[in-house]
Amino acid sequence: MSSSLHDPSQLPPPPPPASSTVNDVKLVPQRAPEAQGRNAFNSERPLGVTPVPEGGVAIGGQPNLPEGKANMGDKIVGKTQKVIGKYTHNPDLHERGELRETGGKAAAEGRARAAHD
């Protein structure tokens, strides 16, 4: 009682791996040139948020600001702003949400620095 359903010789060949070799040249998927090398320190960020010497980030990179502390309400509001900002393609709202989630309301208003990025 033999069935052709389980005959491995009739299966199609597996797809090539993500990284393969053709004529002794390794082919590796590449990222778009505009996406390479971008990070928080060399790309433009919404609201003018930049790293500060004391650590963390602040709106406009203002030095000598206290480090903000987010309470539970700030974390909930900040997360909500981040999600809404992503969903509506609003980078300013997303960035304000990140600041609020990590540095509290004062960081989102520019009166404190937030500890992220």
PDB file of N, CA and C in Angstrom:
ATOM      1  N   MET A   1       0.830  -1.160   0.000  1.00  0.00           N
ATOM      2  CA  MET A   1       0.000   0.000   0.000  1.00  0.00           C
ATOM      3  C   MET A   1       0.890   1.244   0.000  1.00  0.00           C
ATOM      4  N   SER A   2       1.269   1.666  -1.140  1.00  0.00           N
ATOM      5  CA  SER A   2       2.178   2.787  -1.320  1.00  0.00           C
ATOM      6  C   SER A   2       1.394   3.978  -1.840  1.00  0.00           C
ATOM      7  N   SER A   3       1.714   5.151  -1.355  1.00  0.00           N
ATOM      8  CA  SER A   3       1.016   6.342  -1.774  1.00  0.00           C
ATOM      9  C   SER A   3       2.019   7.358  -2.317  1.00  0.00           C
ATOM     10  N   SER A   4       1.655   8.037  -3.374  1.00  0.00           N
ATOM     11  CA  SER A   4       2.553   9.029  -3.958  1.00  0.00           C
ATOM     12  C   SER A   4       2.530  10.341  -3.171  1.00  0.00           C
ATOM     13  N   LEU A   5       1.621  10.466  -2.208  1.00  0.00           N
ATOM     14  CA  LEU A   5       1.564  11.680  -1.399  1.00  0.00           C
ATOM     15  C   LEU A   5       2.800  11.861  -0.534  1.00  0.00           C
ATOM     16  N   HIS A   6       3.421  10.774  -0.133  1.00  0.00           N
ATOM     17  CA  HIS A   6       4.564  10.848   0.766  1.00  0.00           C
ATOM     18  C   HIS A   6       5.871  10.532   0.069  1.00  0.00           C
ATOM     19  N   ASP A   7       5.897  10.584  -1.223  1.00  0.00           N
ATOM     20  CA  ASP A   7       7.106  10.284  -1.982  1.00  0.00           C
ATOM     21  C   ASP A   7       7.965  11.547  -2.070  1.00  0.00           C
ATOM     22  N   PRO A   8       9.124  11.618  -1.389  1.00  0.00           N
ATOM     23  CA  PRO A   8       9.953  12.823  -1.372  1.00  0.00           C
ATOM     24  C   PRO A   8      10.519  13.183  -2.748  1.00  0.00           C
ATOM     25  N   SER A   9      10.602  12.257  -3.662  1.00  0.00           N
ATOM     26  CA  SER A   9      11.159  12.564  -4.972  1.00  0.00           C
ATOM     27  C   SER A   9      10.209  13.430  -5.794  1.00  0.00           C
ATOM     28  N   GLN A  10       8.942  13.554  -5.384  1.00  0.00           N
ATOM     29  CA  GLN A  10       7.992  14.348  -6.147  1.00  0.00           C
ATOM     30  C   GLN A  10       7.773  15.737  -5.543  1.00  0.00           C
ATOM     31  N   LEU A  11       8.495  16.060  -4.484  1.00  0.00           N
ATOM     32  CA  LEU A  11       8.376  17.377  -3.869  1.00  0.00           C
ATOM     33  C   LEU A  11       9.195  18.394  -4.671  1.00  0.00           C
ATOM     34  N   PRO A  12       8.757  19.647  -4.732  1.00  0.00           N
ATOM     35  CA  PRO A  12       9.551  20.662  -5.425  1.00  0.00           C
ATOM     36  C   PRO A  12      10.808  20.970  -4.605  1.00  0.00           C
ATOM     37  N   PRO A  13      11.846  21.484  -5.238  1.00  0.00           N
ATOM     38  CA  PRO A  13      13.073  21.799  -4.488  1.00  0.00           C
ATOM     39  C   PRO A  13      12.797  22.941  -3.509  1.00  0.00           C
ATOM     40  N   PRO A  14      13.511  22.979  -2.396  1.00  0.00           N
ATOM     41  CA  PRO A  14      13.301  24.048  -1.408  1.00  0.00           C
ATOM     42  C   PRO A  14      13.775  25.385  -1.981  1.00  0.00           C
ATOM     43  N   PRO A  15      13.240  26.491  -1.494  1.00  0.00           N
ATOM     44  CA  PRO A  15      13.678  27.803  -1.984  1.00  0.00           C
ATOM     45  C   PRO A  15      15.115  28.068  -1.529  1.00  0.00           C
ATOM     46  N   PRO A  16      15.845  28.912  -2.257  1.00  0.00           N
ATOM     47  CA  PRO A  16      17.217  29.201  -1.845  1.00  0.00           C
ATOM     48  C   PRO A  16      17.219  29.986  -0.530  1.00  0.00           C
ATOM     49  N   PRO A  17      18.273  29.883   0.260  1.00  0.00           N
ATOM     50  CA  PRO A  17      18.340  30.633   1.520  1.00  0.00           C
ATOM     51  C   PRO A  17      18.432  32.134   1.235  1.00  0.00           C
ATOM     52  N   ALA A  18      18.188  32.943   2.271  1.00  0.00           N
ATOM     53  CA  ALA A  18      18.209  34.401   2.121  1.00  0.00           C
ATOM     54  C   ALA A  18      19.568  34.884   1.635  1.00  0.00           C
ATOM     55  N   SER A  19      20.616  34.248   2.060  1.00  0.00           N
ATOM     56  CA  SER A  19      21.956  34.575   1.609  1.00  0.00           C
ATOM     57  C   SER A  19      22.457  33.395   0.805  1.00  0.00           C
ATOM     58  N   SER A  20      22.742  33.605  -0.482  1.00  0.00           N
ATOM     59  CA  SER A  20      23.180  32.493  -1.316  1.00  0.00           C
ATOM     60  C   SER A  20      24.423  32.885  -2.103  1.00  0.00           C
ATOM     61  N   THR A  21      25.012  31.911  -2.786  1.00  0.00           N
ATOM     62  CA  THR A  21      26.206  32.140  -3.572  1.00  0.00           C
ATOM     63  C   THR A  21      25.913  31.814  -5.028  1.00  0.00           C
ATOM     64  N   VAL A  22      26.284  32.742  -5.917  1.00  0.00           N
ATOM     65  CA  VAL A  22      26.147  32.544  -7.357  1.00  0.00           C
ATOM     66  C   VAL A  22      27.489  32.850  -7.982  1.00  0.00           C
ATOM     67  N   ASN A  23      28.045  31.878  -8.700  1.00  0.00           N
ATOM     68  CA  ASN A  23      29.357  32.042  -9.347  1.00  0.00           C
ATOM     69  C   ASN A  23      30.413  32.527  -8.356  1.00  0.00           C
ATOM     70  N   ASP A  24      30.461  31.913  -7.187  1.00  0.00           N
ATOM     71  CA  ASP A  24      31.410  32.224  -6.125  1.00  0.00           C
ATOM     72  C   ASP A  24      31.280  33.651  -5.583  1.00  0.00           C
ATOM     73  N   VAL A  25      30.139  34.304  -5.794  1.00  0.00           N
ATOM     74  CA  VAL A  25      29.879  35.624  -5.246  1.00  0.00           C
ATOM     75  C   VAL A  25      28.732  35.491  -4.262  1.00  0.00           C
ATOM     76  N   LYS A  26      28.975  35.906  -3.026  1.00  0.00           N
ATOM     77  CA  LYS A  26      27.945  35.788  -1.999  1.00  0.00           C
ATOM     78  C   LYS A  26      26.907  36.891  -2.190  1.00  0.00           C
ATOM     79  N   LEU A  27      25.642  36.496  -2.286  1.00  0.00           N
ATOM     80  CA  LEU A  27      24.549  37.442  -2.440  1.00  0.00           C
ATOM     81  C   LEU A  27      23.876  37.624  -1.087  1.00  0.00           C
ATOM     82  N   VAL A  28      23.825  38.864  -0.622  1.00  0.00           N
ATOM     83  CA  VAL A  28      23.237  39.178   0.667  1.00  0.00           C
ATOM     84  C   VAL A  28      22.208  40.284   0.445  1.00  0.00           C
ATOM     85  N   PRO A  29      21.009  40.151   1.004  1.00  0.00           N
ATOM     86  CA  PRO A  29      20.017  41.227   0.850  1.00  0.00           C
ATOM     87  C   PRO A  29      20.566  42.531   1.418  1.00  0.00           C
ATOM     88  N   GLN A  30      20.345  43.629   0.713  1.00  0.00           N
ATOM     89  CA  GLN A  30      20.852  44.932   1.128  1.00  0.00           C
ATOM     90  C   GLN A  30      19.711  45.839   1.550  1.00  0.00           C
ATOM     91  N   ARG A  31      20.016  46.747   2.459  1.00  0.00           N
ATOM     92  CA  ARG A  31      19.050  47.758   2.864  1.00  0.00           C
ATOM     93  C   ARG A  31      19.093  48.905   1.867  1.00  0.00           C
ATOM     94  N   ALA A  32      18.048  49.672   1.835  1.00  0.00           N
ATOM     95  CA  ALA A  32      18.007  50.840   0.958  1.00  0.00           C
ATOM     96  C   ALA A  32      19.113  51.802   1.374  1.00  0.00           C
ATOM     97  N   PRO A  33      19.788  52.455   0.410  1.00  0.00           N
ATOM     98  CA  PRO A  33      20.906  53.347   0.757  1.00  0.00           C
ATOM     99  C   PRO A  33      20.506  54.452   1.722  1.00  0.00           C
ATOM    100  N   GLU A  34      19.283  54.981   1.608  1.00  0.00           N
ATOM    101  CA  GLU A  34      18.880  56.064   2.497  1.00  0.00           C
ATOM    102  C   GLU A  34      18.655  55.587   3.926  1.00  0.00           C
ATOM    103  N   ALA A  35      18.508  54.285   4.154  1.00  0.00           N
ATOM    104  CA  ALA A  35      18.265  53.755   5.496  1.00  0.00           C
ATOM    105  C   ALA A  35      19.552  53.329   6.190  1.00  0.00           C
ATOM    106  N   GLN A  36      20.650  53.265   5.467  1.00  0.00           N
ATOM    107  CA  GLN A  36      21.894  52.796   6.064  1.00  0.00           C
ATOM    108  C   GLN A  36      22.543  53.892   6.896  1.00  0.00           C
ATOM    109  N   GLY A  37      22.992  53.519   8.070  1.00  0.00           N
ATOM    110  CA  GLY A  37      23.751  54.414   8.915  1.00  0.00           C
ATOM    111  C   GLY A  37      22.948  55.488   9.622  1.00  0.00           C
ATOM    112  N   ARG A  38      21.633  55.418   9.596  1.00  0.00           N
ATOM    113  CA  ARG A  38      20.829  56.422  10.281  1.00  0.00           C
ATOM    114  C   ARG A  38      20.581  55.980  11.710  1.00  0.00           C
ATOM    115  N   ASN A  39      20.794  56.898  12.649  1.00  0.00           N
ATOM    116  CA  ASN A  39      20.486  56.617  14.042  1.00  0.00           C
ATOM    117  C   ASN A  39      20.099  57.919  14.726  1.00  0.00           C
ATOM    118  N   ALA A  40      19.916  57.881  16.022  1.00  0.00           N
ATOM    119  CA  ALA A  40      19.436  59.046  16.762  1.00  0.00           C
ATOM    120  C   ALA A  40      20.441  60.196  16.760  1.00  0.00           C
ATOM    121  N   PHE A  41      21.710  59.917  16.463  1.00  0.00           N
ATOM    122  CA  PHE A  41      22.725  60.950  16.554  1.00  0.00           C
ATOM    123  C   PHE A  41      23.017  61.627  15.222  1.00  0.00           C
ATOM    124  N   ASN A  42      22.648  61.019  14.093  1.00  0.00           N
ATOM    125  CA  ASN A  42      22.980  61.639  12.815  1.00  0.00           C
ATOM    126  C   ASN A  42      21.773  61.859  11.905  1.00  0.00           C
ATOM    127  N   SER A  43      20.585  61.767  12.421  1.00  0.00           N
ATOM    128  CA  SER A  43      19.408  62.019  11.598  1.00  0.00           C
ATOM    129  C   SER A  43      18.534  63.072  12.267  1.00  0.00           C
ATOM    130  N   GLU A  44      17.778  63.765  11.445  1.00  0.00           N
ATOM    131  CA  GLU A  44      16.876  64.803  11.953  1.00  0.00           C
ATOM    132  C   GLU A  44      15.744  64.158  12.746  1.00  0.00           C
ATOM    133  N   ARG A  45      15.463  64.711  13.921  1.00  0.00           N
ATOM    134  CA  ARG A  45      14.405  64.152  14.754  1.00  0.00           C
ATOM    135  C   ARG A  45      13.310  65.183  14.956  1.00  0.00           C
ATOM    136  N   PRO A  46      12.077  64.717  15.115  1.00  0.00           N
ATOM    137  CA  PRO A  46      10.972  65.650  15.346  1.00  0.00           C
ATOM    138  C   PRO A  46      11.169  66.439  16.639  1.00  0.00           C
ATOM    139  N   LEU A  47      10.604  67.616  16.675  1.00  0.00           N
ATOM    140  CA  LEU A  47      10.636  68.513  17.840  1.00  0.00           C
ATOM    141  C   LEU A  47      12.043  68.993  18.175  1.00  0.00           C
ATOM    142  N   GLY A  48      13.028  68.746  17.324  1.00  0.00           N
ATOM    143  CA  GLY A  48      14.394  69.174  17.614  1.00  0.00           C
ATOM    144  C   GLY A  48      15.007  68.450  18.790  1.00  0.00           C
ATOM    145  N   VAL A  49      14.596  67.220  19.032  1.00  0.00           N
ATOM    146  CA  VAL A  49      15.118  66.436  20.155  1.00  0.00           C
ATOM    147  C   VAL A  49      16.542  65.986  19.824  1.00  0.00           C
ATOM    148  N   THR A  50      17.471  66.319  20.709  1.00  0.00           N
ATOM    149  CA  THR A  50      18.866  65.924  20.518  1.00  0.00           C
ATOM    150  C   THR A  50      19.458  65.456  21.844  1.00  0.00           C
ATOM    151  N   PRO A  51      20.521  64.649  21.776  1.00  0.00           N
ATOM    152  CA  PRO A  51      21.193  64.203  23.000  1.00  0.00           C
ATOM    153  C   PRO A  51      21.817  65.387  23.746  1.00  0.00           C
ATOM    154  N   VAL A  52      21.878  65.281  25.050  1.00  0.00           N
ATOM    155  CA  VAL A  52      22.486  66.324  25.872  1.00  0.00           C
ATOM    156  C   VAL A  52      23.692  65.751  26.614  1.00  0.00           C
ATOM    157  N   PRO A  53      24.661  66.608  26.994  1.00  0.00           N
ATOM    158  CA  PRO A  53      25.883  66.118  27.637  1.00  0.00           C
ATOM    159  C   PRO A  53      25.646  65.366  28.951  1.00  0.00           C
ATOM    160  N   GLU A  54      24.589  65.722  29.674  1.00  0.00           N
ATOM    161  CA  GLU A  54      24.321  65.076  30.966  1.00  0.00           C
ATOM    162  C   GLU A  54      23.784  63.660  30.803  1.00  0.00           C
ATOM    163  N   GLY A  55      23.388  63.314  29.587  1.00  0.00           N
ATOM    164  CA  GLY A  55      22.785  62.001  29.329  1.00  0.00           C
ATOM    165  C   GLY A  55      21.318  62.152  29.005  1.00  0.00           C
ATOM    166  N   GLY A  56      20.828  61.320  28.150  1.00  0.00           N
ATOM    167  CA  GLY A  56      19.441  61.399  27.735  1.00  0.00           C
ATOM    168  C   GLY A  56      19.272  62.379  26.591  1.00  0.00           C
ATOM    169  N   VAL A  57      18.035  62.781  26.355  1.00  0.00           N
ATOM    170  CA  VAL A  57      17.722  63.715  25.278  1.00  0.00           C
ATOM    171  C   VAL A  57      16.807  64.812  25.810  1.00  0.00           C
ATOM    172  N   ALA A  58      16.799  65.947  25.093  1.00  0.00           N
ATOM    173  CA  ALA A  58      15.924  67.060  25.471  1.00  0.00           C
ATOM    174  C   ALA A  58      15.486  67.776  24.211  1.00  0.00           C
ATOM    175  N   ILE A  59      14.341  68.430  24.276  1.00  0.00           N
ATOM    176  CA  ILE A  59      13.851  69.217  23.155  1.00  0.00           C
ATOM    177  C   ILE A  59      14.823  70.365  22.944  1.00  0.00           C
ATOM    178  N   GLY A  60      15.332  70.477  21.733  1.00  0.00           N
ATOM    179  CA  GLY A  60      16.302  71.525  21.419  1.00  0.00           C
ATOM    180  C   GLY A  60      17.683  71.273  21.983  1.00  0.00           C
ATOM    181  N   GLY A  61      17.916  70.141  22.625  1.00  0.00           N
ATOM    182  CA  GLY A  61      19.224  69.832  23.188  1.00  0.00           C
ATOM    183  C   GLY A  61      19.629  70.759  24.320  1.00  0.00           C
ATOM    184  N   GLN A  62      18.661  71.304  25.034  1.00  0.00           N
ATOM    185  CA  GLN A  62      18.941  72.250  26.110  1.00  0.00           C
ATOM    186  C   GLN A  62      19.770  71.597  27.212  1.00  0.00           C
ATOM    187  N   PRO A  63      20.923  72.168  27.560  1.00  0.00           N
ATOM    188  CA  PRO A  63      21.739  71.589  28.634  1.00  0.00           C
ATOM    189  C   PRO A  63      21.214  72.005  30.013  1.00  0.00           C
ATOM    190  N   ASN A  64      21.721  71.356  31.024  1.00  0.00           N
ATOM    191  CA  ASN A  64      21.444  71.680  32.429  1.00  0.00           C
ATOM    192  C   ASN A  64      19.978  71.559  32.820  1.00  0.00           C
ATOM    193  N   LEU A  65      19.261  70.638  32.209  1.00  0.00           N
ATOM    194  CA  LEU A  65      17.876  70.379  32.607  1.00  0.00           C
ATOM    195  C   LEU A  65      17.855  69.204  33.575  1.00  0.00           C
ATOM    196  N   PRO A  66      16.914  69.203  34.526  1.00  0.00           N
ATOM    197  CA  PRO A  66      16.809  68.041  35.412  1.00  0.00           C
ATOM    198  C   PRO A  66      16.290  66.840  34.623  1.00  0.00           C
ATOM    199  N   GLU A  67      16.593  65.652  35.104  1.00  0.00           N
ATOM    200  CA  GLU A  67      16.074  64.448  34.448  1.00  0.00           C
ATOM    201  C   GLU A  67      14.643  64.218  34.917  1.00  0.00           C
ATOM    202  N   GLY A  68      13.737  64.110  33.954  1.00  0.00           N
ATOM    203  CA  GLY A  68      12.328  63.910  34.271  1.00  0.00           C
ATOM    204  C   GLY A  68      12.053  62.486  34.725  1.00  0.00           C
ATOM    205  N   LYS A  69      11.014  62.326  35.524  1.00  0.00           N
ATOM    206  CA  LYS A  69      10.606  61.012  36.019  1.00  0.00           C
ATOM    207  C   LYS A  69       9.149  60.810  35.661  1.00  0.00           C
ATOM    208  N   ALA A  70       8.877  59.773  34.892  1.00  0.00           N
ATOM    209  CA  ALA A  70       7.508  59.491  34.466  1.00  0.00           C
ATOM    210  C   ALA A  70       6.780  58.667  35.527  1.00  0.00           C
ATOM    211  N   ASN A  71       5.573  59.103  35.881  1.00  0.00           N
ATOM    212  CA  ASN A  71       4.750  58.294  36.776  1.00  0.00           C
ATOM    213  C   ASN A  71       3.873  57.369  35.926  1.00  0.00           C
ATOM    214  N   MET A  72       3.041  56.589  36.541  1.00  0.00           N
ATOM    215  CA  MET A  72       2.231  55.620  35.808  1.00  0.00           C
ATOM    216  C   MET A  72       1.314  56.303  34.787  1.00  0.00           C
ATOM    217  N   GLY A  73       0.717  57.428  35.165  1.00  0.00           N
ATOM    218  CA  GLY A  73      -0.152  58.153  34.239  1.00  0.00           C
ATOM    219  C   GLY A  73       0.607  58.649  33.017  1.00  0.00           C
ATOM    220  N   ASP A  74       1.840  59.163  33.241  1.00  0.00           N
ATOM    221  CA  ASP A  74       2.672  59.626  32.124  1.00  0.00           C
ATOM    222  C   ASP A  74       3.011  58.470  31.175  1.00  0.00           C
ATOM    223  N   LYS A  75       3.269  57.302  31.737  1.00  0.00           N
ATOM    224  CA  LYS A  75       3.604  56.149  30.901  1.00  0.00           C
ATOM    225  C   LYS A  75       2.423  55.722  30.037  1.00  0.00           C
ATOM    226  N   ILE A  76       1.231  55.787  30.604  1.00  0.00           N
ATOM    227  CA  ILE A  76       0.030  55.408  29.843  1.00  0.00           C
ATOM    228  C   ILE A  76      -0.251  56.439  28.747  1.00  0.00           C
ATOM    229  N   VAL A  77      -0.206  57.726  29.107  1.00  0.00           N
ATOM    230  CA  VAL A  77      -0.457  58.782  28.130  1.00  0.00           C
ATOM    231  C   VAL A  77       0.628  58.754  27.043  1.00  0.00           C
ATOM    232  N   GLY A  78       1.888  58.576  27.450  1.00  0.00           N
ATOM    233  CA  GLY A  78       2.992  58.537  26.489  1.00  0.00           C
ATOM    234  C   GLY A  78       2.865  57.386  25.513  1.00  0.00           C
ATOM    235  N   LYS A  79       2.544  56.213  26.004  1.00  0.00           N
ATOM    236  CA  LYS A  79       2.371  55.052  25.122  1.00  0.00           C
ATOM    237  C   LYS A  79       1.221  55.291  24.154  1.00  0.00           C
ATOM    238  N   THR A  80       0.137  55.880  24.648  1.00  0.00           N
ATOM    239  CA  THR A  80      -1.014  56.180  23.792  1.00  0.00           C
ATOM    240  C   THR A  80      -0.623  57.168  22.697  1.00  0.00           C
ATOM    241  N   GLN A  81       0.131  58.208  23.055  1.00  0.00           N
ATOM    242  CA  GLN A  81       0.577  59.183  22.058  1.00  0.00           C
ATOM    243  C   GLN A  81       1.484  58.540  21.022  1.00  0.00           C
ATOM    244  N   LYS A  82       2.369  57.649  21.465  1.00  0.00           N
ATOM    245  CA  LYS A  82       3.256  56.962  20.521  1.00  0.00           C
ATOM    246  C   LYS A  82       2.457  56.153  19.510  1.00  0.00           C
ATOM    247  N   VAL A  83       1.492  55.392  19.992  1.00  0.00           N
ATOM    248  CA  VAL A  83       0.682  54.541  19.106  1.00  0.00           C
ATOM    249  C   VAL A  83      -0.124  55.394  18.135  1.00  0.00           C
ATOM    250  N   ILE A  84      -0.764  56.438  18.639  1.00  0.00           N
ATOM    251  CA  ILE A  84      -1.564  57.309  17.765  1.00  0.00           C
ATOM    252  C   ILE A  84      -0.660  58.012  16.750  1.00  0.00           C
ATOM    253  N   GLY A  85       0.515  58.442  17.183  1.00  0.00           N
ATOM    254  CA  GLY A  85       1.462  59.087  16.272  1.00  0.00           C
ATOM    255  C   GLY A  85       1.918  58.160  15.161  1.00  0.00           C
ATOM    256  N   LYS A  86       2.177  56.903  15.493  1.00  0.00           N
ATOM    257  CA  LYS A  86       2.560  55.923  14.464  1.00  0.00           C
ATOM    258  C   LYS A  86       1.402  55.665  13.515  1.00  0.00           C
ATOM    259  N   TYR A  87       0.219  55.474  14.064  1.00  0.00           N
ATOM    260  CA  TYR A  87      -0.955  55.122  13.264  1.00  0.00           C
ATOM    261  C   TYR A  87      -1.344  56.250  12.311  1.00  0.00           C
ATOM    262  N   THR A  88      -1.214  57.506  12.769  1.00  0.00           N
ATOM    263  CA  THR A  88      -1.607  58.655  11.949  1.00  0.00           C
ATOM    264  C   THR A  88      -0.432  59.248  11.172  1.00  0.00           C
ATOM    265  N   HIS A  89       0.734  58.612  11.242  1.00  0.00           N
ATOM    266  CA  HIS A  89       1.949  59.086  10.558  1.00  0.00           C
ATOM    267  C   HIS A  89       2.305  60.505  11.003  1.00  0.00           C
ATOM    268  N   ASN A  90       2.217  60.741  12.312  1.00  0.00           N
ATOM    269  CA  ASN A  90       2.523  62.039  12.901  1.00  0.00           C
ATOM    270  C   ASN A  90       3.793  61.885  13.755  1.00  0.00           C
ATOM    271  N   PRO A  91       4.984  62.149  13.189  1.00  0.00           N
ATOM    272  CA  PRO A  91       6.225  61.926  13.945  1.00  0.00           C
ATOM    273  C   PRO A  91       6.360  62.821  15.177  1.00  0.00           C
ATOM    274  N   ASP A  92       5.790  64.040  15.136  1.00  0.00           N
ATOM    275  CA  ASP A  92       5.879  64.911  16.307  1.00  0.00           C
ATOM    276  C   ASP A  92       5.130  64.315  17.500  1.00  0.00           C
ATOM    277  N   LEU A  93       3.939  63.800  17.266  1.00  0.00           N
ATOM    278  CA  LEU A  93       3.161  63.189  18.343  1.00  0.00           C
ATOM    279  C   LEU A  93       3.849  61.928  18.859  1.00  0.00           C
ATOM    280  N   HIS A  94       4.424  61.142  17.959  1.00  0.00           N
ATOM    281  CA  HIS A  94       5.142  59.928  18.373  1.00  0.00           C
ATOM    282  C   HIS A  94       6.332  60.295  19.261  1.00  0.00           C
ATOM    283  N   GLU A  95       7.104  61.303  18.858  1.00  0.00           N
ATOM    284  CA  GLU A  95       8.274  61.721  19.643  1.00  0.00           C
ATOM    285  C   GLU A  95       7.848  62.289  20.990  1.00  0.00           C
ATOM    286  N   ARG A  96       6.776  63.088  20.993  1.00  0.00           N
ATOM    287  CA  ARG A  96       6.272  63.635  22.260  1.00  0.00           C
ATOM    288  C   ARG A  96       5.845  62.496  23.195  1.00  0.00           C
ATOM    289  N   GLY A  97       5.256  61.445  22.627  1.00  0.00           N
ATOM    290  CA  GLY A  97       4.873  60.284  23.422  1.00  0.00           C
ATOM    291  C   GLY A  97       6.078  59.571  24.009  1.00  0.00           C
ATOM    292  N   GLU A  98       7.154  59.440  23.221  1.00  0.00           N
ATOM    293  CA  GLU A  98       8.376  58.815  23.746  1.00  0.00           C
ATOM    294  C   GLU A  98       8.943  59.623  24.899  1.00  0.00           C
ATOM    295  N   LEU A  99       8.980  60.946  24.722  1.00  0.00           N
ATOM    296  CA  LEU A  99       9.499  61.800  25.794  1.00  0.00           C
ATOM    297  C   LEU A  99       8.641  61.680  27.047  1.00  0.00           C
ATOM    298  N   ARG A 100       7.331  61.696  26.875  1.00  0.00           N
ATOM    299  CA  ARG A 100       6.426  61.626  28.034  1.00  0.00           C
ATOM    300  C   ARG A 100       6.531  60.277  28.730  1.00  0.00           C
ATOM    301  N   GLU A 101       6.659  59.210  27.941  1.00  0.00           N
ATOM    302  CA  GLU A 101       6.714  57.867  28.517  1.00  0.00           C
ATOM    303  C   GLU A 101       7.970  57.656  29.356  1.00  0.00           C
ATOM    304  N   THR A 102       9.079  58.299  28.976  1.00  0.00           N
ATOM    305  CA  THR A 102      10.320  58.073  29.708  1.00  0.00           C
ATOM    306  C   THR A 102      10.699  59.210  30.655  1.00  0.00           C
ATOM    307  N   GLY A 103      10.289  60.443  30.313  1.00  0.00           N
ATOM    308  CA  GLY A 103      10.701  61.575  31.135  1.00  0.00           C
ATOM    309  C   GLY A 103       9.571  62.341  31.778  1.00  0.00           C
ATOM    310  N   GLY A 104       8.353  61.885  31.598  1.00  0.00           N
ATOM    311  CA  GLY A 104       7.211  62.545  32.220  1.00  0.00           C
ATOM    312  C   GLY A 104       6.738  63.756  31.439  1.00  0.00           C
ATOM    313  N   LYS A 105       5.747  64.431  31.996  1.00  0.00           N
ATOM    314  CA  LYS A 105       5.128  65.575  31.340  1.00  0.00           C
ATOM    315  C   LYS A 105       6.123  66.718  31.147  1.00  0.00           C
ATOM    316  N   ALA A 106       7.010  66.922  32.118  1.00  0.00           N
ATOM    317  CA  ALA A 106       7.993  68.007  32.019  1.00  0.00           C
ATOM    318  C   ALA A 106       8.913  67.803  30.815  1.00  0.00           C
ATOM    319  N   ALA A 107       9.320  66.582  30.538  1.00  0.00           N
ATOM    320  CA  ALA A 107      10.193  66.316  29.388  1.00  0.00           C
ATOM    321  C   ALA A 107       9.447  66.562  28.082  1.00  0.00           C
ATOM    322  N   ALA A 108       8.172  66.197  28.026  1.00  0.00           N
ATOM    323  CA  ALA A 108       7.385  66.407  26.815  1.00  0.00           C
ATOM    324  C   ALA A 108       7.142  67.892  26.565  1.00  0.00           C
ATOM    325  N   GLU A 109       7.171  68.700  27.618  1.00  0.00           N
ATOM    326  CA  GLU A 109       6.974  70.144  27.478  1.00  0.00           C
ATOM    327  C   GLU A 109       8.288  70.895  27.324  1.00  0.00           C
ATOM    328  N   GLY A 110       9.427  70.200  27.436  1.00  0.00           N
ATOM    329  CA  GLY A 110      10.729  70.842  27.262  1.00  0.00           C
ATOM    330  C   GLY A 110      11.335  71.389  28.538  1.00  0.00           C
ATOM    331  N   ARG A 111      10.791  71.027  29.702  1.00  0.00           N
ATOM    332  CA  ARG A 111      11.312  71.519  30.981  1.00  0.00           C
ATOM    333  C   ARG A 111      12.213  70.510  31.682  1.00  0.00           C
ATOM    334  N   ALA A 112      12.423  69.330  31.070  1.00  0.00           N
ATOM    335  CA  ALA A 112      13.290  68.307  31.648  1.00  0.00           C
ATOM    336  C   ALA A 112      13.845  67.446  30.502  1.00  0.00           C
ATOM    337  N   ARG A 113      14.815  66.629  30.843  1.00  0.00           N
ATOM    338  CA  ARG A 113      15.361  65.712  29.825  1.00  0.00           C
ATOM    339  C   ARG A 113      14.812  64.303  30.080  1.00  0.00           C
ATOM    340  N   ALA A 114      14.773  63.528  29.027  1.00  0.00           N
ATOM    341  CA  ALA A 114      14.279  62.156  29.122  1.00  0.00           C
ATOM    342  C   ALA A 114      15.417  61.194  28.880  1.00  0.00           C
ATOM    343  N   ALA A 115      15.417  60.083  29.567  1.00  0.00           N
ATOM    344  CA  ALA A 115      16.488  59.092  29.457  1.00  0.00           C
ATOM    345  C   ALA A 115      16.138  58.057  28.384  1.00  0.00           C
ATOM    346  N   HIS A 116      16.315  58.430  27.117  1.00  0.00           N
ATOM    347  CA  HIS A 116      16.159  57.439  26.043  1.00  0.00           C
ATOM    348  C   HIS A 116      17.002  57.848  24.852  1.00  0.00           C
ATOM    349  N   ASP A 117      17.235  56.869  23.949  1.00  0.00           N
ATOM    350  CA  ASP A 117      18.082  57.040  22.761  1.00  0.00           C
ATOM    351  C   ASP A 117      19.410  57.568  23.189  1.00  0.00           C
TER     352      ASP A 117
END
